[in-house]
Amino acid sequence: MLLALIASTILFFLDTRFNSFAAVRSNLAAVVYPIQVVASLPTDIAEWFDDFFEDRHLLQERNAALEVANLLNSQRLQKYQNLERENMRLRELLGSSFRLRDRVKVAEILMVDLDPFSQQVVINKGEQNGIFIGQAVLDATGVMGQVVSTSAFSSHVVLLTNPNHAVPIQVSRNGLRAIVKGRGLGELLEVDYLPHNADIRKGDLLVTSGLGGRFPTGYPVGTVESVNYPQGKAFVEIRVKSAAHIAISREVLLVLNTKMISADNSDSVNKSEASANE
């Protein structure tokens, strides 16, 4: 043991001072390396499995978070698309209102009457907003109907498609006057009581004539789709496509008739004068 200890000390001294055993140490390291690899293999495998399952768990969490974010972004995108379409409709509506000579109010359709024979909708403007019975209702492209009843904050509007609703019109091309009536939702409008010799043809634009005092003059009602001359009948069968998008419009214009405004102003003036006289 003493000799071995002395020899080891001498070898350590020689290796430290003169690096005499570098080649031998390198060869021994090459021989020992496979043993070291095999010895550390269980630890390496355990660490690999830990990293694998940890990475898999993190990946699952990230995938779940990305799915939630994707759903939220999809929902927001749908809202943005809906807002974009609504803005386009409002721009069309406001563009239409700028072309009108009369003052208007913008309202939104709240609900549709489910009775197929009534052909009415409810809007979110009422007496508090100055809405009155008989007020003309338009969308961005033409006449939709008129107000038939009001409450404080909402109103009922009868549509052109109601069979009991009629609008005095005139042919834009020649001024020929007639009456347009509804035939039900999804059906074309019809022109009543025109004789066979009436000057009306397919493609003619029909606008409000202003007769009756409900609809101001010149608002588009529809375009003539067909003109038939049935034998044995005194009147022509005329079908009209509505200018308004009655089935899809959500925002409407309520026309403030200048005559009615002036009448209301004159009434208020008369009342104020009467109160002053008293």
Foldseek 3Di string as FASTA:
>chain_A
DVVVVVVVVVVVVCCVPPVPCVVVVVVVCVVCVVVVCVVCVVVVVVVVVVVVVVVVVVVVVVVVVVVVVVVVVVVVVVVVVVVVVVVVQVVLQVVQQVPDPFDKDKWFWDAFDPPQQQQKTKIFAFVCNVFDFLWWKFGSFFTFATWHAGDHGMTMGHGQQRQVDKAWKAFPVPRHIFIWGHPTPPFFIWTPDAFPPDPDAFFTWIWGCCPPVRDHTDTTFFTWHGWADDPPDGHITITTHGRGPNVDDTMMITGDDPVVVVVVVVVVVVVVVVVVVD
